[in-house]
Amino acid sequence: MEGASKIEGRKLVLLRMVGATIIIACLNYAYIGYTTGVIKVGTRRNSFIMADENLWLGYFYLLSSAATSTLLLFINKSQSKTFKILATIFGGAWFVTLGTCILTNMVAR
């Protein structure tokens, strides 16, 4: 059977719970950004803050993080061709937006 699951039972449930938790966290950050006008991800030294003209970049980062986390919900289909294409697209978008956010914060500081 094409795309048969190699991950079963507790591991599958754990991965799906992690994916759902990350999606909920992204929605929470997006709501806080909507109400306050600032998206702050992380704490202490390893954080970045998106505000004002860079707020759209913060929303794009949250969107790409949620899209990548959605793949965890469908991890049992990881052998399919569609999953591999989507994983490449979403993973690439996530790395590009993360790099852009980091560079934007380095310039702003």
Protein backbone atom coordinates (compact mmCIF):
# COMPACT_ATOMS: atom_id res chain seq x y z
CA MET A 1 0.00 0.00 0.00
CA GLU A 2 1.40 3.39 -1.06
CA GLY A 3 2.10 5.75 1.83
CA ALA A 4 1.69 3.11 4.52
CA SER A 5 2.47 4.32 8.01
CA LYS A 6 5.70 3.33 9.71
CA ILE A 7 4.77 5.41 12.74
CA GLU A 8 1.99 3.93 14.82
CA GLY A 9 0.38 4.09 18.21
CA ARG A 10 1.73 6.45 20.82
CA LYS A 11 4.41 7.98 18.59
CA LEU A 12 1.80 8.93 15.99
CA VAL A 13 -0.49 10.44 18.63
CA LEU A 14 2.44 12.35 20.16
CA LEU A 15 3.51 13.80 16.80
CA ARG A 16 -0.06 14.85 16.03
CA MET A 17 -0.40 16.49 19.45
CA VAL A 18 2.85 18.39 18.93
CA GLY A 19 1.62 19.58 15.51
CA ALA A 20 -1.71 20.72 16.93
CA THR A 21 0.03 22.49 19.83
CA ILE A 22 2.33 24.41 17.49
CA ILE A 23 -0.63 25.45 15.33
CA ILE A 24 -2.50 26.70 18.41
CA ALA A 25 0.61 28.61 19.56
CA CYS A 26 0.91 30.25 16.12
CA LEU A 27 -2.74 31.29 16.28
CA ASN A 28 -2.17 32.72 19.76
CA TYR A 29 0.85 34.75 18.59
CA ALA A 30 -1.15 35.99 15.60
CA TYR A 31 -4.03 37.11 17.82
CA ILE A 32 -1.67 38.89 20.22
CA GLY A 33 -0.04 40.55 17.21
CA TYR A 34 -3.44 41.63 15.94
CA THR A 35 -4.47 43.20 19.24
CA THR A 36 -1.14 44.80 20.17
CA GLY A 37 0.46 45.43 16.78
CA VAL A 38 3.64 43.57 17.79
CA ILE A 39 4.60 39.95 17.19
CA LYS A 40 7.23 38.80 19.68
CA VAL A 41 8.39 35.21 19.28
CA GLY A 42 10.75 33.74 21.82
CA THR A 43 12.22 35.03 25.04
CA ARG A 44 15.55 36.36 26.18
CA ARG A 45 18.38 36.48 23.66
CA ASN A 46 16.91 34.12 21.08
CA SER A 47 13.82 36.10 20.17
CA PHE A 48 12.69 38.39 17.45
CA ILE A 49 10.15 41.19 17.44
CA MET A 50 8.15 42.21 14.40
CA ALA A 51 6.35 45.53 14.58
CA ASP A 52 5.25 48.43 12.42
CA GLU A 53 6.34 47.98 8.79
CA ASN A 54 7.70 44.45 9.46
CA LEU A 55 4.53 43.10 11.03
CA TRP A 56 3.56 41.38 7.77
CA LEU A 57 6.81 39.39 7.95
CA GLY A 58 5.88 38.15 11.41
CA TYR A 59 2.50 37.00 10.15
CA PHE A 60 4.16 35.24 7.22
CA TYR A 61 6.55 33.48 9.62
CA LEU A 62 3.62 32.32 11.75
CA LEU A 63 1.78 31.13 8.65
CA SER A 64 4.77 29.14 7.41
CA SER A 65 5.29 27.65 10.89
CA ALA A 66 1.66 26.58 11.06
CA ALA A 67 1.82 25.11 7.54
CA THR A 68 4.93 23.13 8.43
CA SER A 69 3.30 21.93 11.64
CA THR A 70 0.24 20.81 9.71
CA LEU A 71 2.46 18.23 8.05
CA LEU A 72 2.89 16.56 11.46
CA LEU A 73 -0.84 15.86 11.47
CA PHE A 74 -0.44 13.86 8.28
CA ILE A 75 2.93 12.26 9.02
CA ASN A 76 1.57 8.79 8.30
CA LYS A 77 1.35 9.81 4.61
CA SER A 78 5.03 10.77 4.46
CA GLN A 79 5.86 8.22 1.75
CA SER A 80 3.50 9.82 -0.78
CA LYS A 81 4.79 12.08 -3.53
CA THR A 82 2.40 14.91 -2.65
CA PHE A 83 3.57 14.95 0.97
CA LYS A 84 7.22 15.18 -0.10
CA ILE A 85 6.48 18.09 -2.46
CA LEU A 86 4.49 19.97 0.19
CA ALA A 87 7.17 19.30 2.81
CA THR A 88 9.82 20.75 0.50
CA ILE A 89 7.74 23.85 -0.26
CA PHE A 90 6.64 24.51 3.33
CA GLY A 91 10.08 23.75 4.78
CA GLY A 92 11.78 26.05 2.29
CA ALA A 93 9.29 28.84 2.98
CA TRP A 94 9.85 28.42 6.72
CA PHE A 95 13.65 28.68 6.41
CA VAL A 96 13.41 31.71 4.11
CA THR A 97 11.03 33.57 6.44
CA LEU A 98 13.07 32.64 9.52
CA GLY A 99 16.23 33.94 7.87
CA THR A 100 14.48 37.12 6.80
CA CYS A 101 13.12 37.70 10.30
CA ILE A 102 16.57 37.22 11.81
CA LEU A 103 18.20 39.58 9.32
CA THR A 104 15.49 42.18 9.86
CA ASN A 105 16.04 42.07 13.61
CA MET A 106 19.81 42.28 13.22
CA VAL A 107 19.45 45.45 11.14
CA ALA A 108 16.88 46.94 13.55
CA ARG A 109 19.05 46.45 16.65
